[in-house]
Amino acid sequence: MIIGIRPLCTQCKSKPRSYGYKKGTKIYWRKLCDTCNRKKKKLKIGGVTALQRSGYRKNSKCELCGFKAQDQLQLDVLFIDGNKNNVNATNLKTVCANCQRLASVKHLRWKVGDLEVDV
């Protein structure tokens, strides 16, 4: 496969163009980058989430099992009521990935193994 340099957007000239399609070993690029494509279609571009605006800071350990993280990436924020726009401090808990998964399984009221493969 031939790997070339990804061309820059023809409009902003700063970001790489969006992937178009591939035919054989040749890659065809769109004229614009993802951001310029979204602006052209008047779609939302990035932004700050409600959680970031709230100023919530994750604890250094899981509030459910007490797991001490070596890195903040090992911890997630659990929205107790499931509403990601409800950023009240009483609705947010810092949890490890394992507790996050367990909480979502309990919330949905199904267990791993309850689902069957579609035929």
PDB file of N, CA and C in Angstrom:
ATOM      1  N   MET A   1       0.841  -1.186   0.000  1.00  0.00           N
ATOM      2  CA  MET A   1       0.000   0.000   0.000  1.00  0.00           C
ATOM      3  C   MET A   1       0.880   1.240   0.000  1.00  0.00           C
ATOM      4  N   ILE A   2       0.530   2.193  -0.799  1.00  0.00           N
ATOM      5  CA  ILE A   2       1.289   3.445  -0.880  1.00  0.00           C
ATOM      6  C   ILE A   2       0.750   4.409   0.172  1.00  0.00           C
ATOM      7  N   ILE A   3       1.642   4.886   1.008  1.00  0.00           N
ATOM      8  CA  ILE A   3       1.244   5.846   2.037  1.00  0.00           C
ATOM      9  C   ILE A   3       1.862   7.187   1.683  1.00  0.00           C
ATOM     10  N   GLY A   4       1.015   8.154   1.428  1.00  0.00           N
ATOM     11  CA  GLY A   4       1.500   9.475   1.070  1.00  0.00           C
ATOM     12  C   GLY A   4       1.201  10.469   2.172  1.00  0.00           C
ATOM     13  N   ILE A   5       1.612  11.680   1.952  1.00  0.00           N
ATOM     14  CA  ILE A   5       1.332  12.738   2.910  1.00  0.00           C
ATOM     15  C   ILE A   5      -0.111  13.188   2.712  1.00  0.00           C
ATOM     16  N   ARG A   6      -0.813  13.326   3.799  1.00  0.00           N
ATOM     17  CA  ARG A   6      -2.210  13.735   3.735  1.00  0.00           C
ATOM     18  C   ARG A   6      -2.282  15.216   3.373  1.00  0.00           C
ATOM     19  N   PRO A   7      -2.971  15.577   2.294  1.00  0.00           N
ATOM     20  CA  PRO A   7      -3.021  16.984   1.868  1.00  0.00           C
ATOM     21  C   PRO A   7      -3.821  17.849   2.844  1.00  0.00           C
ATOM     22  N   LEU A   8      -3.528  19.155   2.829  1.00  0.00           N
ATOM     23  CA  LEU A   8      -4.217  20.088   3.716  1.00  0.00           C
ATOM     24  C   LEU A   8      -5.533  20.558   3.108  1.00  0.00           C
ATOM     25  N   CYS A   9      -6.414  20.986   3.981  1.00  0.00           N
ATOM     26  CA  CYS A   9      -7.734  21.517   3.603  1.00  0.00           C
ATOM     27  C   CYS A   9      -7.551  22.712   2.668  1.00  0.00           C
ATOM     28  N   THR A  10      -8.384  22.778   1.631  1.00  0.00           N
ATOM     29  CA  THR A  10      -8.271  23.882   0.670  1.00  0.00           C
ATOM     30  C   THR A  10      -8.841  25.185   1.213  1.00  0.00           C
ATOM     31  N   GLN A  11      -9.648  25.105   2.278  1.00  0.00           N
ATOM     32  CA  GLN A  11     -10.254  26.313   2.832  1.00  0.00           C
ATOM     33  C   GLN A  11      -9.409  26.905   3.961  1.00  0.00           C
ATOM     34  N   CYS A  12      -9.147  26.132   5.024  1.00  0.00           N
ATOM     35  CA  CYS A  12      -8.396  26.678   6.171  1.00  0.00           C
ATOM     36  C   CYS A  12      -6.887  26.517   6.012  1.00  0.00           C
ATOM     37  N   LYS A  13      -6.473  25.600   5.176  1.00  0.00           N
ATOM     38  CA  LYS A  13      -5.065  25.345   4.876  1.00  0.00           C
ATOM     39  C   LYS A  13      -4.219  25.023   6.111  1.00  0.00           C
ATOM     40  N   SER A  14      -4.869  24.516   7.165  1.00  0.00           N
ATOM     41  CA  SER A  14      -4.104  24.182   8.366  1.00  0.00           C
ATOM     42  C   SER A  14      -4.337  22.749   8.838  1.00  0.00           C
ATOM     43  N   LYS A  15      -5.514  22.195   8.563  1.00  0.00           N
ATOM     44  CA  LYS A  15      -5.822  20.832   9.005  1.00  0.00           C
ATOM     45  C   LYS A  15      -5.812  19.881   7.818  1.00  0.00           C
ATOM     46  N   PRO A  16      -5.518  18.598   8.085  1.00  0.00           N
ATOM     47  CA  PRO A  16      -5.527  17.631   6.990  1.00  0.00           C
ATOM     48  C   PRO A  16      -6.932  17.381   6.449  1.00  0.00           C
ATOM     49  N   ARG A  17      -7.021  17.085   5.166  1.00  0.00           N
ATOM     50  CA  ARG A  17      -8.307  16.825   4.519  1.00  0.00           C
ATOM     51  C   ARG A  17      -8.959  15.561   5.078  1.00  0.00           C
ATOM     52  N   SER A  18     -10.283  15.485   4.929  1.00  0.00           N
ATOM     53  CA  SER A  18     -11.037  14.307   5.334  1.00  0.00           C
ATOM     54  C   SER A  18     -10.796  13.175   4.343  1.00  0.00           C
ATOM     55  N   TYR A  19     -10.877  11.964   4.854  1.00  0.00           N
ATOM     56  CA  TYR A  19     -10.748  10.778   4.022  1.00  0.00           C
ATOM     57  C   TYR A  19     -11.983  10.650   3.144  1.00  0.00           C
ATOM     58  N   GLY A  20     -11.802  10.432   1.875  1.00  0.00           N
ATOM     59  CA  GLY A  20     -12.913  10.252   0.954  1.00  0.00           C
ATOM     60  C   GLY A  20     -13.200   8.779   0.747  1.00  0.00           C
ATOM     61  N   TYR A  21     -12.360   8.129  -0.051  1.00  0.00           N
ATOM     62  CA  TYR A  21     -12.494   6.698  -0.290  1.00  0.00           C
ATOM     63  C   TYR A  21     -11.180   6.172  -0.850  1.00  0.00           C
ATOM     64  N   LYS A  22     -11.076   4.857  -0.954  1.00  0.00           N
ATOM     65  CA  LYS A  22      -9.872   4.229  -1.453  1.00  0.00           C
ATOM     66  C   LYS A  22     -10.253   3.323  -2.617  1.00  0.00           C
ATOM     67  N   LYS A  23      -9.503   3.416  -3.705  1.00  0.00           N
ATOM     68  CA  LYS A  23      -9.740   2.566  -4.864  1.00  0.00           C
ATOM     69  C   LYS A  23      -8.403   1.933  -5.225  1.00  0.00           C
ATOM     70  N   GLY A  24      -8.323   0.623  -5.014  1.00  0.00           N
ATOM     71  CA  GLY A  24      -7.042  -0.056  -5.211  1.00  0.00           C
ATOM     72  C   GLY A  24      -6.056   0.406  -4.151  1.00  0.00           C
ATOM     73  N   THR A  25      -4.931   0.925  -4.583  1.00  0.00           N
ATOM     74  CA  THR A  25      -3.940   1.436  -3.624  1.00  0.00           C
ATOM     75  C   THR A  25      -3.977   2.957  -3.518  1.00  0.00           C
ATOM     76  N   LYS A  26      -4.842   3.594  -4.297  1.00  0.00           N
ATOM     77  CA  LYS A  26      -4.917   5.062  -4.278  1.00  0.00           C
ATOM     78  C   LYS A  26      -5.997   5.549  -3.321  1.00  0.00           C
ATOM     79  N   ILE A  27      -5.647   6.547  -2.512  1.00  0.00           N
ATOM     80  CA  ILE A  27      -6.587   7.145  -1.574  1.00  0.00           C
ATOM     81  C   ILE A  27      -7.049   8.486  -2.142  1.00  0.00           C
ATOM     82  N   TYR A  28      -8.352   8.684  -2.143  1.00  0.00           N
ATOM     83  CA  TYR A  28      -8.936   9.935  -2.613  1.00  0.00           C
ATOM     84  C   TYR A  28      -9.409  10.730  -1.402  1.00  0.00           C
ATOM     85  N   TRP A  29      -8.953  11.974  -1.325  1.00  0.00           N
ATOM     86  CA  TRP A  29      -9.268  12.834  -0.181  1.00  0.00           C
ATOM     87  C   TRP A  29     -10.351  13.828  -0.559  1.00  0.00           C
ATOM     88  N   ARG A  30     -11.139  14.245   0.420  1.00  0.00           N
ATOM     89  CA  ARG A  30     -12.099  15.328   0.197  1.00  0.00           C
ATOM     90  C   ARG A  30     -11.333  16.631   0.119  1.00  0.00           C
ATOM     91  N   LYS A  31     -11.978  17.694  -0.316  1.00  0.00           N
ATOM     92  CA  LYS A  31     -11.290  18.979  -0.432  1.00  0.00           C
ATOM     93  C   LYS A  31     -11.129  19.667   0.909  1.00  0.00           C
ATOM     94  N   LEU A  32     -12.061  19.399   1.853  1.00  0.00           N
ATOM     95  CA  LEU A  32     -12.071  20.102   3.130  1.00  0.00           C
ATOM     96  C   LEU A  32     -11.748  19.158   4.298  1.00  0.00           C
ATOM     97  N   CYS A  33     -11.306  19.741   5.394  1.00  0.00           N
ATOM     98  CA  CYS A  33     -11.086  18.979   6.625  1.00  0.00           C
ATOM     99  C   CYS A  33     -12.442  18.745   7.307  1.00  0.00           C
ATOM    100  N   ASP A  34     -12.462  17.903   8.350  1.00  0.00           N
ATOM    101  CA  ASP A  34     -13.712  17.607   9.054  1.00  0.00           C
ATOM    102  C   ASP A  34     -14.359  18.874   9.622  1.00  0.00           C
ATOM    103  N   THR A  35     -13.543  19.758  10.200  1.00  0.00           N
ATOM    104  CA  THR A  35     -14.073  20.982  10.809  1.00  0.00           C
ATOM    105  C   THR A  35     -14.729  21.878   9.758  1.00  0.00           C
ATOM    106  N   CYS A  36     -14.067  22.096   8.632  1.00  0.00           N
ATOM    107  CA  CYS A  36     -14.637  22.938   7.582  1.00  0.00           C
ATOM    108  C   CYS A  36     -15.892  22.302   6.980  1.00  0.00           C
ATOM    109  N   ASN A  37     -15.907  20.963   6.861  1.00  0.00           N
ATOM    110  CA  ASN A  37     -17.108  20.266   6.384  1.00  0.00           C
ATOM    111  C   ASN A  37     -18.279  20.505   7.333  1.00  0.00           C
ATOM    112  N   ARG A  38     -18.009  20.446   8.649  1.00  0.00           N
ATOM    113  CA  ARG A  38     -19.070  20.654   9.643  1.00  0.00           C
ATOM    114  C   ARG A  38     -19.553  22.109   9.617  1.00  0.00           C
ATOM    115  N   LYS A  39     -18.624  23.061   9.459  1.00  0.00           N
ATOM    116  CA  LYS A  39     -19.013  24.479   9.378  1.00  0.00           C
ATOM    117  C   LYS A  39     -19.898  24.714   8.159  1.00  0.00           C
ATOM    118  N   LYS A  40     -19.531  24.115   7.041  1.00  0.00           N
ATOM    119  CA  LYS A  40     -20.274  24.273   5.791  1.00  0.00           C
ATOM    120  C   LYS A  40     -21.711  23.766   5.944  1.00  0.00           C
ATOM    121  N   LYS A  41     -21.885  22.677   6.709  1.00  0.00           N
ATOM    122  CA  LYS A  41     -23.215  22.102   6.917  1.00  0.00           C
ATOM    123  C   LYS A  41     -23.926  22.708   8.125  1.00  0.00           C
ATOM    124  N   LYS A  42     -23.274  23.711   8.755  1.00  0.00           N
ATOM    125  CA  LYS A  42     -23.814  24.398   9.936  1.00  0.00           C
ATOM    126  C   LYS A  42     -24.080  23.427  11.091  1.00  0.00           C
ATOM    127  N   LEU A  43     -23.130  22.498  11.299  1.00  0.00           N
ATOM    128  CA  LEU A  43     -23.217  21.545  12.404  1.00  0.00           C
ATOM    129  C   LEU A  43     -22.326  22.013  13.545  1.00  0.00           C
ATOM    130  N   LYS A  44     -22.608  21.525  14.735  1.00  0.00           N
ATOM    131  CA  LYS A  44     -21.832  21.900  15.918  1.00  0.00           C
ATOM    132  C   LYS A  44     -20.402  21.379  15.798  1.00  0.00           C
ATOM    133  N   ILE A  45     -19.457  22.189  16.230  1.00  0.00           N
ATOM    134  CA  ILE A  45     -18.044  21.819  16.170  1.00  0.00           C
ATOM    135  C   ILE A  45     -17.483  21.801  17.577  1.00  0.00           C
ATOM    136  N   GLY A  46     -17.108  20.613  18.042  1.00  0.00           N
ATOM    137  CA  GLY A  46     -16.480  20.479  19.347  1.00  0.00           C
ATOM    138  C   GLY A  46     -17.272  21.154  20.452  1.00  0.00           C
ATOM    139  N   GLY A  47     -16.585  21.817  21.341  1.00  0.00           N
ATOM    140  CA  GLY A  47     -17.246  22.527  22.424  1.00  0.00           C
ATOM    141  C   GLY A  47     -16.901  21.943  23.777  1.00  0.00           C
ATOM    142  N   VAL A  48     -17.396  22.582  24.793  1.00  0.00           N
ATOM    143  CA  VAL A  48     -17.138  22.174  26.169  1.00  0.00           C
ATOM    144  C   VAL A  48     -18.379  21.456  26.689  1.00  0.00           C
ATOM    145  N   THR A  49     -18.161  20.315  27.325  1.00  0.00           N
ATOM    146  CA  THR A  49     -19.285  19.541  27.850  1.00  0.00           C
ATOM    147  C   THR A  49     -19.802  20.154  29.147  1.00  0.00           C
ATOM    148  N   ALA A  50     -20.999  19.767  29.533  1.00  0.00           N
ATOM    149  CA  ALA A  50     -21.590  20.252  30.783  1.00  0.00           C
ATOM    150  C   ALA A  50     -20.714  19.849  31.970  1.00  0.00           C
ATOM    151  N   LEU A  51     -20.132  18.660  31.923  1.00  0.00           N
ATOM    152  CA  LEU A  51     -19.262  18.187  33.007  1.00  0.00           C
ATOM    153  C   LEU A  51     -18.031  19.088  33.133  1.00  0.00           C
ATOM    154  N   GLN A  52     -17.428  19.467  32.017  1.00  0.00           N
ATOM    155  CA  GLN A  52     -16.261  20.349  32.055  1.00  0.00           C
ATOM    156  C   GLN A  52     -16.639  21.725  32.588  1.00  0.00           C
ATOM    157  N   ARG A  53     -17.808  22.238  32.194  1.00  0.00           N
ATOM    158  CA  ARG A  53     -18.248  23.547  32.684  1.00  0.00           C
ATOM    159  C   ARG A  53     -18.513  23.537  34.181  1.00  0.00           C
ATOM    160  N   SER A  54     -18.929  22.391  34.725  1.00  0.00           N
ATOM    161  CA  SER A  54     -19.259  22.315  36.150  1.00  0.00           C
ATOM    162  C   SER A  54     -18.026  22.429  37.041  1.00  0.00           C
ATOM    163  N   GLY A  55     -16.847  22.119  36.482  1.00  0.00           N
ATOM    164  CA  GLY A  55     -15.621  22.198  37.271  1.00  0.00           C
ATOM    165  C   GLY A  55     -15.382  20.979  38.139  1.00  0.00           C
ATOM    166  N   TYR A  56     -16.126  19.898  37.921  1.00  0.00           N
ATOM    167  CA  TYR A  56     -15.953  18.677  38.722  1.00  0.00           C
ATOM    168  C   TYR A  56     -14.567  18.093  38.497  1.00  0.00           C
ATOM    169  N   ARG A  57     -13.908  17.734  39.599  1.00  0.00           N
ATOM    170  CA  ARG A  57     -12.583  17.118  39.512  1.00  0.00           C
ATOM    171  C   ARG A  57     -12.665  15.715  40.072  1.00  0.00           C
ATOM    172  N   LYS A  58     -12.112  14.765  39.330  1.00  0.00           N
ATOM    173  CA  LYS A  58     -12.126  13.374  39.767  1.00  0.00           C
ATOM    174  C   LYS A  58     -11.256  13.199  41.010  1.00  0.00           C
ATOM    175  N   ASN A  59     -11.695  12.303  41.900  1.00  0.00           N
ATOM    176  CA  ASN A  59     -10.882  11.950  43.068  1.00  0.00           C
ATOM    177  C   ASN A  59      -9.735  11.056  42.617  1.00  0.00           C
ATOM    178  N   SER A  60      -8.808  10.765  43.520  1.00  0.00           N
ATOM    179  CA  SER A  60      -7.679   9.916  43.165  1.00  0.00           C
ATOM    180  C   SER A  60      -7.999   8.435  43.356  1.00  0.00           C
ATOM    181  N   LYS A  61      -9.182   8.138  43.922  1.00  0.00           N
ATOM    182  CA  LYS A  61      -9.556   6.732  44.079  1.00  0.00           C
ATOM    183  C   LYS A  61     -11.043   6.544  43.799  1.00  0.00           C
ATOM    184  N   CYS A  62     -11.413   5.308  43.509  1.00  0.00           N
ATOM    185  CA  CYS A  62     -12.790   4.965  43.202  1.00  0.00           C
ATOM    186  C   CYS A  62     -13.641   5.127  44.456  1.00  0.00           C
ATOM    187  N   GLU A  63     -14.790   5.795  44.313  1.00  0.00           N
ATOM    188  CA  GLU A  63     -15.670   6.029  45.458  1.00  0.00           C
ATOM    189  C   GLU A  63     -16.519   4.812  45.806  1.00  0.00           C
ATOM    190  N   LEU A  64     -16.515   3.786  44.952  1.00  0.00           N
ATOM    191  CA  LEU A  64     -17.294   2.583  45.237  1.00  0.00           C
ATOM    192  C   LEU A  64     -16.444   1.468  45.846  1.00  0.00           C
ATOM    193  N   CYS A  65     -15.290   1.165  45.229  1.00  0.00           N
ATOM    194  CA  CYS A  65     -14.485   0.041  45.719  1.00  0.00           C
ATOM    195  C   CYS A  65     -13.187   0.469  46.396  1.00  0.00           C
ATOM    196  N   GLY A  66     -12.799   1.744  46.259  1.00  0.00           N
ATOM    197  CA  GLY A  66     -11.590   2.239  46.906  1.00  0.00           C
ATOM    198  C   GLY A  66     -10.321   2.039  46.093  1.00  0.00           C
ATOM    199  N   PHE A  67     -10.421   1.588  44.847  1.00  0.00           N
ATOM    200  CA  PHE A  67      -9.257   1.391  43.979  1.00  0.00           C
ATOM    201  C   PHE A  67      -8.489   2.696  43.843  1.00  0.00           C
ATOM    202  N   LYS A  68      -7.168   2.656  44.127  1.00  0.00           N
ATOM    203  CA  LYS A  68      -6.322   3.840  43.985  1.00  0.00           C
ATOM    204  C   LYS A  68      -5.685   3.823  42.606  1.00  0.00           C
ATOM    205  N   ALA A  69      -5.976   4.834  41.821  1.00  0.00           N
ATOM    206  CA  ALA A  69      -5.489   4.899  40.445  1.00  0.00           C
ATOM    207  C   ALA A  69      -4.066   5.435  40.396  1.00  0.00           C
ATOM    208  N   GLN A  70      -3.271   4.856  39.503  1.00  0.00           N
ATOM    209  CA  GLN A  70      -1.924   5.379  39.251  1.00  0.00           C
ATOM    210  C   GLN A  70      -2.009   6.576  38.314  1.00  0.00           C
ATOM    211  N   ASP A  71      -3.066   6.601  37.491  1.00  0.00           N
ATOM    212  CA  ASP A  71      -3.266   7.672  36.528  1.00  0.00           C
ATOM    213  C   ASP A  71      -4.755   8.014  36.488  1.00  0.00           C
ATOM    214  N   GLN A  72      -5.092   9.274  36.275  1.00  0.00           N
ATOM    215  CA  GLN A  72      -6.497   9.710  36.223  1.00  0.00           C
ATOM    216  C   GLN A  72      -7.281   9.028  35.097  1.00  0.00           C
ATOM    217  N   LEU A  73      -6.567   8.533  34.074  1.00  0.00           N
ATOM    218  CA  LEU A  73      -7.243   7.856  32.964  1.00  0.00           C
ATOM    219  C   LEU A  73      -7.897   6.542  33.403  1.00  0.00           C
ATOM    220  N   GLN A  74      -7.494   6.017  34.557  1.00  0.00           N
ATOM    221  CA  GLN A  74      -8.074   4.772  35.055  1.00  0.00           C
ATOM    222  C   GLN A  74      -9.419   5.008  35.737  1.00  0.00           C
ATOM    223  N   LEU A  75      -9.793   6.256  35.902  1.00  0.00           N
ATOM    224  CA  LEU A  75     -11.043   6.587  36.580  1.00  0.00           C
ATOM    225  C   LEU A  75     -12.010   7.291  35.637  1.00  0.00           C
ATOM    226  N   ASP A  76     -13.295   7.050  35.854  1.00  0.00           N
ATOM    227  CA  ASP A  76     -14.353   7.665  35.065  1.00  0.00           C
ATOM    228  C   ASP A  76     -15.294   8.422  35.990  1.00  0.00           C
ATOM    229  N   VAL A  77     -16.165   9.228  35.402  1.00  0.00           N
ATOM    230  CA  VAL A  77     -17.196   9.908  36.177  1.00  0.00           C
ATOM    231  C   VAL A  77     -18.508   9.180  35.932  1.00  0.00           C
ATOM    232  N   LEU A  78     -19.163   8.765  36.996  1.00  0.00           N
ATOM    233  CA  LEU A  78     -20.446   8.077  36.915  1.00  0.00           C
ATOM    234  C   LEU A  78     -21.553   9.079  37.215  1.00  0.00           C
ATOM    235  N   PHE A  79     -22.503   9.201  36.300  1.00  0.00           N
ATOM    236  CA  PHE A  79     -23.682  10.032  36.517  1.00  0.00           C
ATOM    237  C   PHE A  79     -24.722   9.123  37.152  1.00  0.00           C
ATOM    238  N   ILE A  80     -25.013   9.311  38.410  1.00  0.00           N
ATOM    239  CA  ILE A  80     -25.864   8.396  39.169  1.00  0.00           C
ATOM    240  C   ILE A  80     -27.233   8.229  38.527  1.00  0.00           C
ATOM    241  N   ASP A  81     -27.858   9.335  38.108  1.00  0.00           N
ATOM    242  CA  ASP A  81     -29.193   9.226  37.515  1.00  0.00           C
ATOM    243  C   ASP A  81     -29.148   8.930  36.014  1.00  0.00           C
ATOM    244  N   GLY A  82     -27.945   8.850  35.410  1.00  0.00           N
ATOM    245  CA  GLY A  82     -27.796   8.541  33.996  1.00  0.00           C
ATOM    246  C   GLY A  82     -27.929   9.741  33.074  1.00  0.00           C
ATOM    247  N   ASN A  83     -28.282  10.908  33.619  1.00  0.00           N
ATOM    248  CA  ASN A  83     -28.453  12.123  32.822  1.00  0.00           C
ATOM    249  C   ASN A  83     -27.127  12.890  32.797  1.00  0.00           C
ATOM    250  N   LYS A  84     -26.485  12.932  31.621  1.00  0.00           N
ATOM    251  CA  LYS A  84     -25.177  13.573  31.516  1.00  0.00           C
ATOM    252  C   LYS A  84     -25.246  15.091  31.570  1.00  0.00           C
ATOM    253  N   ASN A  85     -26.444  15.652  31.558  1.00  0.00           N
ATOM    254  CA  ASN A  85     -26.585  17.103  31.714  1.00  0.00           C
ATOM    255  C   ASN A  85     -26.783  17.505  33.166  1.00  0.00           C
ATOM    256  N   ASN A  86     -27.087  16.541  34.037  1.00  0.00           N
ATOM    257  CA  ASN A  86     -27.242  16.809  35.465  1.00  0.00           C
ATOM    258  C   ASN A  86     -25.871  16.716  36.119  1.00  0.00           C
ATOM    259  N   VAL A  87     -25.216  17.868  36.293  1.00  0.00           N
ATOM    260  CA  VAL A  87     -23.854  17.889  36.814  1.00  0.00           C
ATOM    261  C   VAL A  87     -23.785  18.382  38.257  1.00  0.00           C
ATOM    262  N   ASN A  88     -24.864  18.168  39.014  1.00  0.00           N
ATOM    263  CA  ASN A  88     -24.827  18.499  40.443  1.00  0.00           C
ATOM    264  C   ASN A  88     -23.834  17.577  41.133  1.00  0.00           C
ATOM    265  N   ALA A  89     -23.135  18.102  42.124  1.00  0.00           N
ATOM    266  CA  ALA A  89     -22.124  17.309  42.832  1.00  0.00           C
ATOM    267  C   ALA A  89     -22.714  16.040  43.441  1.00  0.00           C
ATOM    268  N   THR A  90     -23.976  16.074  43.813  1.00  0.00           N
ATOM    269  CA  THR A  90     -24.615  14.892  44.403  1.00  0.00           C
ATOM    270  C   THR A  90     -24.906  13.811  43.356  1.00  0.00           C
ATOM    271  N   ASN A  91     -24.849  14.156  42.075  1.00  0.00           N
ATOM    272  CA  ASN A  91     -25.124  13.197  41.004  1.00  0.00           C
ATOM    273  C   ASN A  91     -23.856  12.595  40.409  1.00  0.00           C
ATOM    274  N   LEU A  92     -22.687  13.057  40.829  1.00  0.00           N
ATOM    275  CA  LEU A  92     -21.423  12.630  40.236  1.00  0.00           C
ATOM    276  C   LEU A  92     -20.585  11.823  41.215  1.00  0.00           C
ATOM    277  N   LYS A  93     -20.030  10.722  40.731  1.00  0.00           N
ATOM    278  CA  LYS A  93     -19.125   9.888  41.531  1.00  0.00           C
ATOM    279  C   LYS A  93     -17.923   9.530  40.669  1.00  0.00           C
ATOM    280  N   THR A  94     -16.749   9.467  41.278  1.00  0.00           N
ATOM    281  CA  THR A  94     -15.553   9.014  40.599  1.00  0.00           C
ATOM    282  C   THR A  94     -15.458   7.508  40.799  1.00  0.00           C
ATOM    283  N   VAL A  95     -15.417   6.763  39.691  1.00  0.00           N
ATOM    284  CA  VAL A  95     -15.377   5.297  39.781  1.00  0.00           C
ATOM    285  C   VAL A  95     -14.337   4.734  38.827  1.00  0.00           C
ATOM    286  N   CYS A  96     -13.846   3.536  39.146  1.00  0.00           N
ATOM    287  CA  CYS A  96     -12.907   2.852  38.258  1.00  0.00           C
ATOM    288  C   CYS A  96     -13.701   2.235  37.101  1.00  0.00           C
ATOM    289  N   ALA A  97     -12.994   1.786  36.082  1.00  0.00           N
ATOM    290  CA  ALA A  97     -13.651   1.226  34.895  1.00  0.00           C
ATOM    291  C   ALA A  97     -14.470  -0.008  35.255  1.00  0.00           C
ATOM    292  N   ASN A  98     -13.982  -0.815  36.190  1.00  0.00           N
ATOM    293  CA  ASN A  98     -14.715  -2.020  36.596  1.00  0.00           C
ATOM    294  C   ASN A  98     -16.039  -1.645  37.257  1.00  0.00           C
ATOM    295  N   CYS A  99     -16.022  -0.718  38.175  1.00  0.00           N
ATOM    296  CA  CYS A  99     -17.258  -0.294  38.845  1.00  0.00           C
ATOM    297  C   CYS A  99     -18.203   0.410  37.872  1.00  0.00           C
ATOM    298  N   GLN A 100     -17.652   1.149  36.911  1.00  0.00           N
ATOM    299  CA  GLN A 100     -18.471   1.804  35.888  1.00  0.00           C
ATOM    300  C   GLN A 100     -19.261   0.761  35.105  1.00  0.00           C
ATOM    301  N   ARG A 101     -18.579  -0.316  34.735  1.00  0.00           N
ATOM    302  CA  ARG A 101     -19.245  -1.381  33.977  1.00  0.00           C
ATOM    303  C   ARG A 101     -20.289  -2.085  34.831  1.00  0.00           C
ATOM    304  N   LEU A 102     -19.926  -2.382  36.076  1.00  0.00           N
ATOM    305  CA  LEU A 102     -20.879  -3.039  36.970  1.00  0.00           C
ATOM    306  C   LEU A 102     -22.107  -2.174  37.202  1.00  0.00           C
ATOM    307  N   ALA A 103     -21.902  -0.881  37.360  1.00  0.00           N
ATOM    308  CA  ALA A 103     -23.018   0.035  37.590  1.00  0.00           C
ATOM    309  C   ALA A 103     -23.941   0.077  36.373  1.00  0.00           C
ATOM    310  N   SER A 104     -23.366   0.082  35.170  1.00  0.00           N
ATOM    311  CA  SER A 104     -24.200   0.135  33.974  1.00  0.00           C
ATOM    312  C   SER A 104     -24.972  -1.166  33.788  1.00  0.00           C
ATOM    313  N   VAL A 105     -24.380  -2.296  34.125  1.00  0.00           N
ATOM    314  CA  VAL A 105     -25.068  -3.580  34.004  1.00  0.00           C
ATOM    315  C   VAL A 105     -26.214  -3.654  35.013  1.00  0.00           C
ATOM    316  N   LYS A 106     -25.974  -3.196  36.231  1.00  0.00           N
ATOM    317  CA  LYS A 106     -27.023  -3.219  37.251  1.00  0.00           C
ATOM    318  C   LYS A 106     -28.155  -2.258  36.895  1.00  0.00           C
ATOM    319  N   HIS A 107     -27.784  -1.095  36.332  1.00  0.00           N
ATOM    320  CA  HIS A 107     -28.789  -0.093  35.969  1.00  0.00           C
ATOM    321  C   HIS A 107     -29.706  -0.601  34.859  1.00  0.00           C
ATOM    322  N   LEU A 108     -29.131  -1.336  33.904  1.00  0.00           N
ATOM    323  CA  LEU A 108     -29.916  -1.853  32.793  1.00  0.00           C
ATOM    324  C   LEU A 108     -30.703  -3.105  33.165  1.00  0.00           C
ATOM    325  N   ARG A 109     -30.420  -3.653  34.310  1.00  0.00           N
ATOM    326  CA  ARG A 109     -31.090  -4.844  34.842  1.00  0.00           C
ATOM    327  C   ARG A 109     -30.926  -6.081  33.957  1.00  0.00           C
ATOM    328  N   TRP A 110     -29.811  -6.204  33.288  1.00  0.00           N
ATOM    329  CA  TRP A 110     -29.499  -7.456  32.615  1.00  0.00           C
ATOM    330  C   TRP A 110     -28.077  -7.828  32.947  1.00  0.00           C
ATOM    331  N   LYS A 111     -27.766  -9.083  32.800  1.00  0.00           N
ATOM    332  CA  LYS A 111     -26.445  -9.576  33.159  1.00  0.00           C
ATOM    333  C   LYS A 111     -25.708 -10.042  31.912  1.00  0.00           C
ATOM    334  N   VAL A 112     -24.385 -10.078  31.995  1.00  0.00           N
ATOM    335  CA  VAL A 112     -23.590 -10.605  30.901  1.00  0.00           C
ATOM    336  C   VAL A 112     -23.989 -12.062  30.712  1.00  0.00           C
ATOM    337  N   GLY A 113     -24.282 -12.454  29.500  1.00  0.00           N
ATOM    338  CA  GLY A 113     -24.725 -13.817  29.215  1.00  0.00           C
ATOM    339  C   GLY A 113     -26.228 -13.904  28.984  1.00  0.00           C
ATOM    340  N   ASP A 114     -26.978 -12.848  29.343  1.00  0.00           N
ATOM    341  CA  ASP A 114     -28.417 -12.851  29.124  1.00  0.00           C
ATOM    342  C   ASP A 114     -28.776 -12.624  27.659  1.00  0.00           C
ATOM    343  N   LEU A 115     -27.860 -12.024  26.921  1.00  0.00           N
ATOM    344  CA  LEU A 115     -28.147 -11.694  25.528  1.00  0.00           C
ATOM    345  C   LEU A 115     -27.785 -12.860  24.616  1.00  0.00           C
ATOM    346  N   GLU A 116     -28.527 -13.015  23.552  1.00  0.00           N
ATOM    347  CA  GLU A 116     -28.270 -14.067  22.577  1.00  0.00           C
ATOM    348  C   GLU A 116     -27.882 -13.436  21.255  1.00  0.00           C
ATOM    349  N   VAL A 117     -27.053 -14.137  20.488  1.00  0.00           N
ATOM    350  CA  VAL A 117     -26.602 -13.651  19.189  1.00  0.00           C
ATOM    351  C   VAL A 117     -27.758 -13.718  18.213  1.00  0.00           C
ATOM    352  N   ASP A 118     -27.913 -12.660  17.391  1.00  0.00           N
ATOM    353  CA  ASP A 118     -28.941 -12.650  16.348  1.00  0.00           C
ATOM    354  C   ASP A 118     -28.575 -13.661  15.277  1.00  0.00           C
ATOM    355  N   VAL A 119     -29.577 -14.365  14.764  1.00  0.00           N
ATOM    356  CA  VAL A 119     -29.335 -15.363  13.712  1.00  0.00           C
ATOM    357  C   VAL A 119     -29.772 -14.842  12.381  1.00  0.00           C
TER     358      VAL A 119
END
